């Protein structure tokens, strides 16, 4: 019996993608375009994008939330998985990065599904709550500045419906979470949120070692 998951070597990752990845060409090209920018490490992996698509379809989601868009790959993945009347409320502060993804959203025919808010995400989330949208989202994905993760999580819990799902990226933080010598603000914020969610009876929980670690929290009644 193994007590850890299989070590995903480069060769095994290639095999995994060969036998499981069904990445549309438009997503592949956006991912490759993103790989050319210095901040490319912020991009989710293609298998994570496909996993999120599966989650959205299993939830029969129609209304989703994204905190942290970057170049729009995850927005595109979710929008493609949504039905024609589905919508992504996407929060980011960078017009520079989000503008990279917009032509790909258009090409894929899903730009009308993505409502991009260029403002600090806490402001956008608070406005959504003030507008009476609490309990109306099926799925939320958090992948933005780590220092504010807890604030995003708390607001996502308000906005997501009972039975809805919150995905939180980078929760293993390149193994920094287990290194006691690393105590920068981002690492501490992720450690603290991991511990908080572990004890949070408002949600069911699974932390999945995909990409840089993905926590899935399902809102309980």
N, C-alpha and C. Protein backbone atom coordinates (compact mmCIF):
# COMPACT_ATOMS: atom_id res chain seq x y z
N UNK A 1 0.85 -1.19 0.00
CA UNK A 1 0.00 0.00 0.00
C UNK A 1 0.89 1.24 0.00
N UNK A 2 0.56 2.17 -0.91
CA UNK A 2 1.31 3.42 -0.99
C UNK A 2 0.69 4.45 -0.04
N UNK A 3 1.56 5.21 0.62
CA UNK A 3 1.07 6.25 1.53
C UNK A 3 1.16 7.64 0.91
N UNK A 4 1.66 7.74 -0.32
CA UNK A 4 1.72 9.01 -1.03
C UNK A 4 1.29 8.78 -2.47
N UNK A 5 1.01 9.88 -3.17
CA UNK A 5 0.64 9.74 -4.58
C UNK A 5 1.89 9.49 -5.41
N UNK A 6 1.69 8.99 -6.62
CA UNK A 6 2.78 8.70 -7.53
C UNK A 6 3.53 9.98 -7.89
N UNK A 7 4.84 9.95 -7.84
CA UNK A 7 5.65 11.10 -8.21
C UNK A 7 5.48 11.38 -9.69
N UNK A 8 5.00 12.57 -10.02
CA UNK A 8 4.71 12.90 -11.41
C UNK A 8 5.97 13.45 -12.08
N UNK A 9 6.75 12.57 -12.65
CA UNK A 9 7.94 12.97 -13.41
C UNK A 9 7.53 13.63 -14.72
N UNK A 10 8.47 14.24 -15.39
CA UNK A 10 8.18 14.84 -16.68
C UNK A 10 7.64 13.83 -17.67
N UNK A 11 8.23 12.65 -17.68
CA UNK A 11 7.80 11.61 -18.61
C UNK A 11 6.39 11.13 -18.28
N UNK A 12 6.11 10.98 -16.98
CA UNK A 12 4.78 10.51 -16.60
C UNK A 12 3.73 11.60 -16.86
N UNK A 13 4.12 12.86 -16.70
CA UNK A 13 3.20 13.95 -17.01
C UNK A 13 2.86 13.96 -18.50
N UNK A 14 3.84 13.69 -19.34
CA UNK A 14 3.58 13.60 -20.78
C UNK A 14 2.61 12.46 -21.08
N UNK A 15 2.81 11.32 -20.42
CA UNK A 15 1.90 10.19 -20.62
C UNK A 15 0.50 10.53 -20.15
N UNK A 16 0.39 11.15 -18.97
CA UNK A 16 -0.91 11.53 -18.43
C UNK A 16 -1.66 12.41 -19.42
N UNK A 17 -0.96 13.38 -19.98
CA UNK A 17 -1.63 14.28 -20.92
C UNK A 17 -1.98 13.56 -22.22
N UNK A 18 -1.14 12.65 -22.63
CA UNK A 18 -1.40 11.94 -23.89
C UNK A 18 -2.66 11.08 -23.81
N UNK A 19 -2.87 10.45 -22.66
CA UNK A 19 -4.00 9.51 -22.56
C UNK A 19 -5.25 10.14 -21.93
N UNK A 20 -5.15 11.38 -21.44
CA UNK A 20 -6.34 11.94 -20.78
C UNK A 20 -6.71 13.34 -21.22
N UNK A 21 -5.76 14.13 -21.70
CA UNK A 21 -6.04 15.53 -21.97
C UNK A 21 -6.80 15.70 -23.28
N UNK A 22 -7.91 16.44 -23.21
CA UNK A 22 -8.70 16.77 -24.39
C UNK A 22 -8.77 18.29 -24.51
N UNK A 23 -7.65 18.90 -24.67
CA UNK A 23 -7.54 20.35 -24.67
C UNK A 23 -7.89 20.91 -26.05
N UNK A 24 -8.93 21.72 -26.15
CA UNK A 24 -9.25 22.35 -27.44
C UNK A 24 -8.08 23.17 -27.96
N UNK A 25 -7.98 23.28 -29.26
CA UNK A 25 -6.86 23.98 -29.87
C UNK A 25 -6.76 25.43 -29.39
N UNK A 26 -7.90 26.08 -29.21
CA UNK A 26 -7.88 27.48 -28.77
C UNK A 26 -7.31 27.60 -27.36
N UNK A 27 -7.58 26.63 -26.50
CA UNK A 27 -7.00 26.64 -25.16
C UNK A 27 -5.51 26.36 -25.22
N UNK A 28 -5.11 25.42 -26.05
CA UNK A 28 -3.68 25.12 -26.19
C UNK A 28 -2.92 26.34 -26.65
N UNK A 29 -3.44 27.06 -27.61
CA UNK A 29 -2.74 28.24 -28.13
C UNK A 29 -2.67 29.36 -27.11
N UNK A 30 -3.72 29.54 -26.31
CA UNK A 30 -3.65 30.53 -25.24
C UNK A 30 -2.62 30.12 -24.19
N UNK A 31 -2.58 28.84 -23.86
CA UNK A 31 -1.59 28.35 -22.89
C UNK A 31 -0.18 28.57 -23.42
N UNK A 32 0.05 28.30 -24.69
CA UNK A 32 1.37 28.50 -25.27
C UNK A 32 1.72 29.98 -25.37
N UNK A 33 0.73 30.80 -25.63
CA UNK A 33 0.98 32.25 -25.64
C UNK A 33 1.37 32.72 -24.24
N UNK A 34 0.70 32.22 -23.23
CA UNK A 34 1.00 32.59 -21.85
C UNK A 34 2.40 32.14 -21.45
N UNK A 35 2.83 31.01 -21.97
CA UNK A 35 4.15 30.48 -21.62
C UNK A 35 5.27 31.41 -22.04
N UNK A 36 4.99 32.36 -22.91
CA UNK A 36 6.03 33.27 -23.40
C UNK A 36 6.23 34.48 -22.50
N UNK A 37 5.40 34.66 -21.48
CA UNK A 37 5.53 35.83 -20.60
C UNK A 37 6.31 35.43 -19.34
N UNK A 38 7.00 36.37 -18.73
CA UNK A 38 7.84 36.04 -17.56
C UNK A 38 7.05 35.46 -16.39
N UNK A 39 5.79 35.85 -16.25
CA UNK A 39 4.97 35.38 -15.14
C UNK A 39 4.21 34.10 -15.46
N UNK A 40 4.66 33.34 -16.45
CA UNK A 40 3.93 32.16 -16.93
C UNK A 40 3.68 31.14 -15.83
N UNK A 41 4.48 31.14 -14.77
CA UNK A 41 4.30 30.18 -13.68
C UNK A 41 2.94 30.35 -13.00
N UNK A 42 2.29 31.50 -13.21
CA UNK A 42 0.99 31.73 -12.60
C UNK A 42 -0.13 30.99 -13.32
N UNK A 43 0.17 30.41 -14.47
CA UNK A 43 -0.83 29.69 -15.26
C UNK A 43 -1.13 28.32 -14.66
N UNK A 44 -2.41 27.95 -14.59
CA UNK A 44 -2.74 26.60 -14.16
C UNK A 44 -2.34 25.60 -15.23
N UNK A 45 -2.17 24.35 -14.86
CA UNK A 45 -1.81 23.32 -15.81
C UNK A 45 -3.03 22.93 -16.65
N UNK A 46 -2.82 22.39 -17.85
CA UNK A 46 -3.96 22.01 -18.69
C UNK A 46 -4.82 20.92 -18.07
N UNK A 47 -4.19 19.97 -17.35
CA UNK A 47 -4.99 18.93 -16.71
C UNK A 47 -5.84 19.50 -15.57
N UNK A 48 -5.37 20.56 -14.92
CA UNK A 48 -6.19 21.21 -13.91
C UNK A 48 -7.36 21.93 -14.56
N UNK A 49 -7.11 22.57 -15.70
CA UNK A 49 -8.20 23.21 -16.41
C UNK A 49 -9.27 22.21 -16.82
N UNK A 50 -8.85 21.06 -17.29
CA UNK A 50 -9.81 20.03 -17.69
C UNK A 50 -10.55 19.48 -16.47
N UNK A 51 -9.85 19.34 -15.35
CA UNK A 51 -10.49 18.87 -14.12
C UNK A 51 -11.56 19.86 -13.67
N UNK A 52 -11.26 21.15 -13.76
CA UNK A 52 -12.24 22.16 -13.39
C UNK A 52 -13.45 22.11 -14.31
N UNK A 53 -13.22 21.85 -15.58
CA UNK A 53 -14.34 21.71 -16.51
C UNK A 53 -15.25 20.55 -16.09
N UNK A 54 -14.65 19.45 -15.69
CA UNK A 54 -15.43 18.30 -15.25
C UNK A 54 -16.24 18.63 -14.00
N UNK A 55 -15.63 19.34 -13.07
CA UNK A 55 -16.34 19.74 -11.85
C UNK A 55 -17.54 20.62 -12.19
N UNK A 56 -17.34 21.58 -13.07
CA UNK A 56 -18.41 22.48 -13.46
C UNK A 56 -19.55 21.71 -14.11
N UNK A 57 -19.22 20.74 -14.94
CA UNK A 57 -20.25 19.94 -15.59
C UNK A 57 -20.97 19.04 -14.60
N UNK A 58 -20.25 18.47 -13.66
CA UNK A 58 -20.88 17.62 -12.64
C UNK A 58 -21.82 18.42 -11.74
N UNK A 59 -21.48 19.68 -11.50
CA UNK A 59 -22.32 20.55 -10.69
C UNK A 59 -23.53 21.07 -11.48
N UNK A 60 -23.54 20.81 -12.79
CA UNK A 60 -24.55 21.42 -13.66
C UNK A 60 -24.56 22.93 -13.46
N UNK A 61 -23.37 23.49 -13.38
CA UNK A 61 -23.21 24.90 -13.04
C UNK A 61 -23.67 25.80 -14.18
N UNK A 62 -24.21 26.93 -13.78
CA UNK A 62 -24.59 27.98 -14.72
C UNK A 62 -24.02 29.34 -14.34
N UNK A 63 -23.62 29.46 -13.10
CA UNK A 63 -23.12 30.74 -12.62
C UNK A 63 -21.85 30.49 -11.81
N UNK A 64 -20.73 31.00 -12.28
CA UNK A 64 -19.45 30.73 -11.64
C UNK A 64 -18.70 32.03 -11.37
N UNK A 65 -17.74 31.92 -10.46
CA UNK A 65 -16.97 33.07 -10.00
C UNK A 65 -15.49 32.75 -10.10
N UNK A 66 -14.72 33.72 -10.55
CA UNK A 66 -13.27 33.52 -10.63
C UNK A 66 -12.57 34.73 -10.02
N UNK A 67 -11.71 34.48 -9.06
CA UNK A 67 -10.91 35.54 -8.43
C UNK A 67 -9.47 35.33 -8.86
N UNK A 68 -9.03 36.14 -9.80
CA UNK A 68 -7.71 35.99 -10.39
C UNK A 68 -7.81 35.38 -11.78
N UNK A 69 -7.68 36.20 -12.80
CA UNK A 69 -7.88 35.76 -14.18
C UNK A 69 -6.57 35.50 -14.89
N UNK A 70 -5.56 36.30 -14.61
CA UNK A 70 -4.28 36.29 -15.31
C UNK A 70 -4.53 36.47 -16.82
N UNK A 71 -4.13 35.53 -17.65
CA UNK A 71 -4.34 35.67 -19.10
C UNK A 71 -5.62 34.99 -19.58
N UNK A 72 -6.42 34.49 -18.66
CA UNK A 72 -7.75 34.03 -19.04
C UNK A 72 -7.89 32.58 -19.41
N UNK A 73 -6.86 31.75 -19.15
CA UNK A 73 -6.96 30.33 -19.52
C UNK A 73 -8.02 29.62 -18.69
N UNK A 74 -8.03 29.84 -17.38
CA UNK A 74 -9.02 29.18 -16.54
C UNK A 74 -10.43 29.70 -16.83
N UNK A 75 -10.54 30.99 -17.13
CA UNK A 75 -11.84 31.56 -17.51
C UNK A 75 -12.35 30.88 -18.78
N UNK A 76 -11.47 30.70 -19.72
CA UNK A 76 -11.83 30.05 -20.98
C UNK A 76 -12.25 28.61 -20.75
N UNK A 77 -11.50 27.89 -19.91
CA UNK A 77 -11.83 26.50 -19.62
C UNK A 77 -13.23 26.38 -19.03
N UNK A 78 -13.52 27.21 -18.03
CA UNK A 78 -14.83 27.13 -17.37
C UNK A 78 -15.94 27.57 -18.32
N UNK A 79 -15.72 28.65 -19.05
CA UNK A 79 -16.75 29.14 -19.97
C UNK A 79 -17.10 28.09 -21.02
N UNK A 80 -16.12 27.37 -21.50
CA UNK A 80 -16.38 26.32 -22.49
C UNK A 80 -17.21 25.19 -21.90
N UNK A 81 -17.08 24.96 -20.59
CA UNK A 81 -17.81 23.87 -19.95
C UNK A 81 -19.23 24.27 -19.56
N UNK A 82 -19.52 25.55 -19.56
CA UNK A 82 -20.84 26.03 -19.16
C UNK A 82 -21.85 25.89 -20.31
N UNK A 83 -23.12 25.77 -19.97
CA UNK A 83 -24.16 25.78 -21.01
C UNK A 83 -24.27 27.15 -21.65
N UNK A 84 -25.06 27.28 -22.72
CA UNK A 84 -25.14 28.57 -23.42
C UNK A 84 -25.55 29.74 -22.54
N UNK A 85 -26.36 29.48 -21.52
CA UNK A 85 -26.79 30.57 -20.64
C UNK A 85 -25.89 30.73 -19.42
N UNK A 86 -24.77 30.02 -19.37
CA UNK A 86 -23.86 30.11 -18.24
C UNK A 86 -23.05 31.38 -18.26
N UNK A 87 -22.59 31.78 -17.06
CA UNK A 87 -21.81 33.01 -16.95
C UNK A 87 -20.66 32.83 -15.97
N UNK A 88 -19.54 33.48 -16.28
CA UNK A 88 -18.38 33.56 -15.40
C UNK A 88 -18.22 35.01 -14.95
N UNK A 89 -18.29 35.24 -13.65
CA UNK A 89 -17.95 36.56 -13.11
C UNK A 89 -16.46 36.52 -12.78
N UNK A 90 -15.66 37.24 -13.54
CA UNK A 90 -14.20 37.15 -13.46
C UNK A 90 -13.63 38.43 -12.86
N UNK A 91 -12.80 38.28 -11.83
CA UNK A 91 -12.24 39.42 -11.09
C UNK A 91 -10.73 39.48 -11.27
N UNK A 92 -10.24 40.64 -11.68
CA UNK A 92 -8.80 40.84 -11.78
C UNK A 92 -8.52 42.34 -11.74
N UNK A 93 -7.25 42.70 -11.59
CA UNK A 93 -6.87 44.11 -11.57
C UNK A 93 -6.02 44.50 -12.77
N UNK A 94 -5.62 43.53 -13.59
CA UNK A 94 -4.67 43.81 -14.66
C UNK A 94 -5.34 43.79 -16.04
N UNK A 95 -5.43 44.95 -16.64
CA UNK A 95 -5.91 45.01 -18.02
C UNK A 95 -4.86 44.41 -18.96
N UNK A 96 -3.59 44.56 -18.62
CA UNK A 96 -2.51 44.04 -19.46
C UNK A 96 -2.62 42.54 -19.64
N UNK A 97 -2.76 41.82 -18.50
CA UNK A 97 -2.78 40.36 -18.60
C UNK A 97 -4.11 39.85 -19.16
N UNK A 98 -5.21 40.40 -18.70
CA UNK A 98 -6.51 39.89 -19.16
C UNK A 98 -6.72 40.17 -20.65
N UNK A 99 -6.09 41.22 -21.17
CA UNK A 99 -6.25 41.52 -22.60
C UNK A 99 -5.64 40.44 -23.48
N UNK A 100 -4.70 39.68 -22.95
CA UNK A 100 -4.11 38.58 -23.72
C UNK A 100 -5.16 37.53 -24.03
N UNK A 101 -6.02 37.24 -23.05
CA UNK A 101 -7.00 36.18 -23.23
C UNK A 101 -8.22 36.55 -24.04
N UNK A 102 -8.55 37.83 -24.10
CA UNK A 102 -9.81 38.25 -24.72
C UNK A 102 -9.98 37.77 -26.17
N UNK A 103 -8.95 37.88 -27.02
CA UNK A 103 -9.13 37.39 -28.39
C UNK A 103 -9.43 35.88 -28.45
N UNK A 104 -8.87 35.12 -27.53
CA UNK A 104 -9.12 33.68 -27.48
C UNK A 104 -10.54 33.40 -26.99
N UNK A 105 -11.03 34.20 -26.04
CA UNK A 105 -12.42 34.07 -25.62
C UNK A 105 -13.34 34.32 -26.80
N UNK A 106 -13.03 35.36 -27.58
CA UNK A 106 -13.84 35.69 -28.74
C UNK A 106 -13.80 34.55 -29.76
N UNK A 107 -12.61 34.07 -30.05
CA UNK A 107 -12.46 33.00 -31.04
C UNK A 107 -13.23 31.76 -30.62
N UNK A 108 -13.23 31.46 -29.33
CA UNK A 108 -13.91 30.26 -28.83
C UNK A 108 -15.43 30.45 -28.75
N UNK A 109 -15.89 31.67 -28.97
CA UNK A 109 -17.32 31.94 -28.93
C UNK A 109 -17.90 32.01 -27.54
N UNK A 110 -17.07 32.33 -26.53
CA UNK A 110 -17.56 32.36 -25.15
C UNK A 110 -17.36 33.72 -24.48
N UNK A 111 -16.93 34.72 -25.23
CA UNK A 111 -16.67 36.03 -24.62
C UNK A 111 -17.92 36.59 -23.95
N UNK A 112 -19.08 36.29 -24.51
CA UNK A 112 -20.33 36.80 -23.94
C UNK A 112 -20.65 36.14 -22.59
N UNK A 113 -20.00 35.03 -22.30
CA UNK A 113 -20.23 34.34 -21.02
C UNK A 113 -19.37 34.90 -19.90
N UNK A 114 -18.34 35.68 -20.22
CA UNK A 114 -17.36 36.11 -19.24
C UNK A 114 -17.55 37.59 -18.94
N UNK A 115 -17.94 37.88 -17.72
CA UNK A 115 -18.15 39.25 -17.26
C UNK A 115 -16.93 39.66 -16.44
N UNK A 116 -16.02 40.39 -17.07
CA UNK A 116 -14.74 40.75 -16.45
C UNK A 116 -14.87 42.03 -15.66
N UNK A 117 -14.46 41.99 -14.39
CA UNK A 117 -14.46 43.15 -13.51
C UNK A 117 -13.01 43.52 -13.20
N UNK A 118 -12.56 44.67 -13.70
CA UNK A 118 -11.20 45.13 -13.44
C UNK A 118 -11.22 46.08 -12.25
N UNK A 119 -11.05 45.48 -11.08
CA UNK A 119 -11.06 46.22 -9.82
C UNK A 119 -10.54 45.27 -8.75
N UNK A 120 -10.11 45.79 -7.59
CA UNK A 120 -9.73 44.89 -6.50
C UNK A 120 -10.86 43.91 -6.22
N UNK A 121 -10.52 42.62 -6.13
CA UNK A 121 -11.55 41.59 -6.06
C UNK A 121 -12.43 41.72 -4.83
N UNK A 122 -11.87 42.14 -3.71
CA UNK A 122 -12.69 42.29 -2.50
C UNK A 122 -13.81 43.30 -2.76
N UNK A 123 -13.50 44.37 -3.47
CA UNK A 123 -14.52 45.36 -3.80
C UNK A 123 -15.61 44.75 -4.68
N UNK A 124 -15.20 43.99 -5.68
CA UNK A 124 -16.17 43.36 -6.58
C UNK A 124 -17.04 42.36 -5.82
N UNK A 125 -16.43 41.53 -4.98
CA UNK A 125 -17.18 40.53 -4.24
C UNK A 125 -18.15 41.19 -3.26
N UNK A 126 -17.70 42.24 -2.59
CA UNK A 126 -18.59 42.95 -1.67
C UNK A 126 -19.77 43.58 -2.41
N UNK A 127 -19.51 44.06 -3.62
CA UNK A 127 -20.59 44.64 -4.41
C UNK A 127 -21.60 43.57 -4.83
N UNK A 128 -21.11 42.40 -5.19
CA UNK A 128 -22.01 41.30 -5.55
C UNK A 128 -22.90 40.92 -4.37
N UNK A 129 -22.30 40.88 -3.18
CA UNK A 129 -23.07 40.55 -1.97
C UNK A 129 -24.09 41.65 -1.70
N UNK A 130 -23.67 42.89 -1.82
CA UNK A 130 -24.59 44.01 -1.59
C UNK A 130 -25.73 44.02 -2.59
N UNK A 131 -25.47 43.49 -3.78
CA UNK A 131 -26.50 43.43 -4.83
C UNK A 131 -27.45 42.24 -4.65
N UNK A 132 -27.26 41.48 -3.56
CA UNK A 132 -28.18 40.37 -3.28
C UNK A 132 -27.87 39.08 -3.99
N UNK A 133 -26.60 38.87 -4.40
CA UNK A 133 -26.26 37.67 -5.14
C UNK A 133 -25.72 36.54 -4.25
N UNK A 134 -25.83 36.69 -2.95
CA UNK A 134 -25.37 35.63 -2.06
C UNK A 134 -26.16 34.34 -2.31
N UNK A 135 -25.45 33.23 -2.27
CA UNK A 135 -26.09 31.93 -2.45
C UNK A 135 -26.54 31.63 -3.86
N UNK A 136 -25.99 32.34 -4.87
CA UNK A 136 -26.45 32.14 -6.25
C UNK A 136 -25.40 31.54 -7.16
N UNK A 137 -24.17 31.40 -6.69
CA UNK A 137 -23.10 30.86 -7.53
C UNK A 137 -22.93 29.37 -7.28
N UNK A 138 -22.66 28.65 -8.36
CA UNK A 138 -22.47 27.20 -8.27
C UNK A 138 -21.01 26.82 -7.99
N UNK A 139 -20.09 27.61 -8.48
CA UNK A 139 -18.67 27.27 -8.42
C UNK A 139 -17.86 28.55 -8.32
N UNK A 140 -16.82 28.53 -7.50
CA UNK A 140 -15.90 29.66 -7.39
C UNK A 140 -14.47 29.13 -7.44
N UNK A 141 -13.60 29.87 -8.13
CA UNK A 141 -12.19 29.49 -8.23
C UNK A 141 -11.35 30.67 -7.78
N UNK A 142 -10.50 30.43 -6.78
CA UNK A 142 -9.66 31.48 -6.20
C UNK A 142 -8.21 31.21 -6.57
N UNK A 143 -7.60 32.15 -7.30
CA UNK A 143 -6.21 32.02 -7.73
C UNK A 143 -5.65 33.42 -7.95
N UNK A 144 -5.50 34.15 -6.86
CA UNK A 144 -5.07 35.54 -6.94
C UNK A 144 -4.00 35.81 -5.88
N UNK A 145 -3.88 37.05 -5.44
CA UNK A 145 -2.86 37.39 -4.44
C UNK A 145 -3.12 36.62 -3.15
N UNK A 146 -2.10 35.97 -2.67
CA UNK A 146 -2.25 35.01 -1.57
C UNK A 146 -2.58 35.68 -0.23
N UNK A 147 -2.10 36.88 -0.02
CA UNK A 147 -2.35 37.56 1.25
C UNK A 147 -3.84 37.78 1.51
N UNK A 148 -4.62 37.85 0.44
CA UNK A 148 -6.06 38.07 0.58
C UNK A 148 -6.89 36.79 0.42
N UNK A 149 -6.25 35.64 0.41
CA UNK A 149 -6.98 34.39 0.20
C UNK A 149 -8.12 34.21 1.20
N UNK A 150 -7.86 34.49 2.46
CA UNK A 150 -8.91 34.29 3.46
C UNK A 150 -10.10 35.20 3.21
N UNK A 151 -9.83 36.43 2.81
CA UNK A 151 -10.92 37.37 2.52
C UNK A 151 -11.72 36.88 1.31
N UNK A 152 -11.06 36.35 0.31
CA UNK A 152 -11.76 35.82 -0.86
C UNK A 152 -12.59 34.59 -0.49
N UNK A 153 -11.99 33.74 0.33
CA UNK A 153 -12.69 32.51 0.75
C UNK A 153 -13.98 32.84 1.50
N UNK A 154 -13.90 33.76 2.44
CA UNK A 154 -15.08 34.11 3.23
C UNK A 154 -16.19 34.69 2.35
N UNK A 155 -15.83 35.51 1.41
CA UNK A 155 -16.83 36.09 0.53
C UNK A 155 -17.37 35.06 -0.46
N UNK A 156 -16.51 34.17 -0.92
CA UNK A 156 -16.99 33.11 -1.80
C UNK A 156 -17.99 32.21 -1.08
N UNK A 157 -17.76 31.96 0.21
CA UNK A 157 -18.70 31.16 1.00
C UNK A 157 -20.08 31.81 1.06
N UNK A 158 -20.10 33.12 1.08
CA UNK A 158 -21.38 33.83 1.09
C UNK A 158 -22.05 33.73 -0.29
N UNK A 159 -21.28 33.84 -1.34
CA UNK A 159 -21.84 33.91 -2.68
C UNK A 159 -22.21 32.54 -3.26
N UNK A 160 -21.52 31.49 -2.84
CA UNK A 160 -21.79 30.16 -3.38
C UNK A 160 -23.02 29.55 -2.70
N UNK A 161 -23.81 28.84 -3.45
CA UNK A 161 -25.01 28.17 -2.92
C UNK A 161 -24.63 26.97 -2.06
N UNK A 162 -25.56 26.51 -1.26
CA UNK A 162 -25.37 25.25 -0.54
C UNK A 162 -25.19 24.14 -1.58
N UNK A 163 -24.17 23.33 -1.39
CA UNK A 163 -23.84 22.29 -2.36
C UNK A 163 -22.90 22.76 -3.44
N UNK A 164 -22.65 24.06 -3.47
CA UNK A 164 -21.70 24.61 -4.43
C UNK A 164 -20.26 24.37 -3.99
N UNK A 165 -19.33 24.64 -4.90
CA UNK A 165 -17.94 24.26 -4.69
C UNK A 165 -17.03 25.47 -4.83
N UNK A 166 -16.05 25.54 -3.92
CA UNK A 166 -15.00 26.55 -4.00
C UNK A 166 -13.68 25.84 -4.25
N UNK A 167 -12.97 26.23 -5.30
CA UNK A 167 -11.64 25.72 -5.58
C UNK A 167 -10.60 26.77 -5.25
N UNK A 168 -9.57 26.39 -4.51
CA UNK A 168 -8.52 27.33 -4.10
C UNK A 168 -7.18 26.79 -4.58
N UNK A 169 -6.50 27.55 -5.41
CA UNK A 169 -5.27 27.09 -6.05
C UNK A 169 -4.04 27.42 -5.22
N UNK A 170 -2.94 26.73 -5.53
CA UNK A 170 -1.62 26.98 -4.93
C UNK A 170 -1.55 26.70 -3.44
N UNK A 171 -2.36 25.79 -2.93
CA UNK A 171 -2.38 25.56 -1.49
C UNK A 171 -1.19 24.73 -1.00
N UNK A 172 -0.41 24.15 -1.89
CA UNK A 172 0.85 23.51 -1.49
C UNK A 172 2.04 24.44 -1.70
N UNK A 173 1.84 25.48 -2.48
CA UNK A 173 2.78 26.61 -2.58
C UNK A 173 4.22 26.16 -2.81
N UNK A 174 4.39 25.28 -3.79
CA UNK A 174 5.72 24.81 -4.16
C UNK A 174 6.48 24.23 -2.97
N UNK A 175 5.75 23.58 -2.07
CA UNK A 175 6.27 22.94 -0.85
C UNK A 175 6.71 23.93 0.23
N UNK A 176 6.53 25.21 0.01
CA UNK A 176 6.94 26.19 1.03
C UNK A 176 6.10 26.06 2.30
N UNK A 177 4.88 25.54 2.18
CA UNK A 177 4.00 25.45 3.35
C UNK A 177 4.57 24.54 4.43
N UNK A 178 5.46 23.63 4.07
CA UNK A 178 6.03 22.72 5.07
C UNK A 178 7.47 23.08 5.43
N UNK A 179 7.96 24.20 4.93
CA UNK A 179 9.33 24.62 5.21
C UNK A 179 9.30 25.67 6.32
N UNK A 180 9.71 25.32 7.54
CA UNK A 180 9.63 26.28 8.66
C UNK A 180 10.52 27.49 8.49
N UNK A 181 11.47 27.42 7.57
CA UNK A 181 12.36 28.57 7.36
C UNK A 181 11.73 29.62 6.45
N UNK A 182 10.60 29.29 5.83
CA UNK A 182 9.93 30.22 4.91
C UNK A 182 8.74 30.84 5.64
N UNK A 183 8.81 32.14 5.87
CA UNK A 183 7.76 32.81 6.64
C UNK A 183 7.37 34.16 6.04
N UNK A 184 7.40 34.23 4.71
CA UNK A 184 6.92 35.45 4.07
C UNK A 184 5.40 35.52 4.18
N UNK A 185 4.84 36.69 3.87
CA UNK A 185 3.41 36.93 4.09
C UNK A 185 2.53 35.98 3.28
N UNK A 186 2.92 35.71 2.03
CA UNK A 186 2.10 34.84 1.18
C UNK A 186 2.06 33.42 1.73
N UNK A 187 3.23 32.90 2.11
CA UNK A 187 3.29 31.54 2.63
C UNK A 187 2.49 31.41 3.92
N UNK A 188 2.63 32.38 4.80
CA UNK A 188 1.88 32.35 6.06
C UNK A 188 0.38 32.39 5.79
N UNK A 189 -0.04 33.21 4.82
CA UNK A 189 -1.45 33.31 4.49
C UNK A 189 -2.01 31.98 4.01
N UNK A 190 -1.25 31.28 3.19
CA UNK A 190 -1.71 29.99 2.68
C UNK A 190 -1.73 28.95 3.79
N UNK A 191 -0.68 28.91 4.62
CA UNK A 191 -0.67 27.99 5.76
C UNK A 191 -1.89 28.22 6.65
N UNK A 192 -2.13 29.48 6.98
CA UNK A 192 -3.24 29.80 7.88
C UNK A 192 -4.59 29.39 7.28
N UNK A 193 -4.76 29.63 5.99
CA UNK A 193 -6.04 29.26 5.36
C UNK A 193 -6.20 27.75 5.29
N UNK A 194 -5.12 27.04 4.99
CA UNK A 194 -5.20 25.58 4.97
C UNK A 194 -5.66 25.03 6.32
N UNK A 195 -5.07 25.55 7.39
CA UNK A 195 -5.46 25.11 8.72
C UNK A 195 -6.91 25.50 9.04
N UNK A 196 -7.28 26.69 8.64
CA UNK A 196 -8.64 27.17 8.89
C UNK A 196 -9.67 26.28 8.20
N UNK A 197 -9.45 26.00 6.91
CA UNK A 197 -10.43 25.20 6.18
C UNK A 197 -10.49 23.78 6.71
N UNK A 198 -9.35 23.26 7.16
CA UNK A 198 -9.31 21.92 7.73
C UNK A 198 -10.29 21.79 8.89
N UNK A 199 -10.44 22.86 9.67
CA UNK A 199 -11.34 22.82 10.82
C UNK A 199 -12.68 23.50 10.58
N UNK A 200 -12.96 23.88 9.35
CA UNK A 200 -14.17 24.66 9.04
C UNK A 200 -15.35 23.73 8.78
N UNK A 201 -16.26 23.63 9.73
CA UNK A 201 -17.41 22.73 9.60
C UNK A 201 -18.46 23.25 8.62
N UNK A 202 -18.25 24.44 8.09
CA UNK A 202 -19.19 24.96 7.08
C UNK A 202 -19.03 24.28 5.74
N UNK A 203 -17.92 23.54 5.57
CA UNK A 203 -17.63 22.94 4.27
C UNK A 203 -17.17 21.50 4.42
N UNK A 204 -17.39 20.72 3.35
CA UNK A 204 -16.67 19.47 3.17
C UNK A 204 -15.39 19.77 2.43
N UNK A 205 -14.39 18.92 2.55
CA UNK A 205 -13.03 19.31 2.13
C UNK A 205 -12.27 18.17 1.49
N UNK A 206 -11.53 18.53 0.43
CA UNK A 206 -10.50 17.65 -0.11
C UNK A 206 -9.40 18.51 -0.69
N UNK A 207 -8.15 18.21 -0.33
CA UNK A 207 -7.00 18.89 -0.90
C UNK A 207 -6.36 17.92 -1.89
N UNK A 208 -6.31 18.31 -3.14
CA UNK A 208 -5.88 17.42 -4.22
C UNK A 208 -4.50 17.85 -4.72
N UNK A 209 -3.54 16.92 -4.81
CA UNK A 209 -2.20 17.29 -5.28
C UNK A 209 -2.13 17.38 -6.80
N UNK A 210 -2.93 18.26 -7.38
CA UNK A 210 -2.88 18.54 -8.81
C UNK A 210 -2.29 19.93 -8.99
N UNK A 211 -1.44 20.11 -9.98
CA UNK A 211 -0.77 21.40 -10.14
C UNK A 211 0.04 21.72 -8.90
N UNK A 212 -0.21 22.90 -8.33
CA UNK A 212 0.47 23.34 -7.10
C UNK A 212 -0.42 23.14 -5.88
N UNK A 213 -1.34 22.20 -5.99
CA UNK A 213 -2.27 21.91 -4.88
C UNK A 213 -3.57 22.66 -5.06
N UNK A 214 -4.67 21.92 -5.04
CA UNK A 214 -6.00 22.50 -5.22
C UNK A 214 -6.91 22.04 -4.10
N UNK A 215 -7.39 22.96 -3.28
CA UNK A 215 -8.37 22.63 -2.26
C UNK A 215 -9.77 22.77 -2.85
N UNK A 216 -10.60 21.77 -2.60
CA UNK A 216 -12.01 21.82 -2.97
C UNK A 216 -12.82 21.84 -1.69
N UNK A 217 -13.63 22.88 -1.54
CA UNK A 217 -14.47 23.05 -0.36
C UNK A 217 -15.93 23.13 -0.80
N UNK A 218 -16.74 22.16 -0.36
CA UNK A 218 -18.16 22.12 -0.73
C UNK A 218 -18.99 22.71 0.41
N UNK A 219 -19.79 23.70 0.08
CA UNK A 219 -20.58 24.40 1.09
C UNK A 219 -21.69 23.50 1.63
N UNK A 220 -21.68 23.34 2.95
CA UNK A 220 -22.69 22.51 3.60
C UNK A 220 -23.93 23.32 3.96
N UNK A 221 -25.07 22.65 4.16
CA UNK A 221 -26.28 23.35 4.60
C UNK A 221 -26.07 24.02 5.96
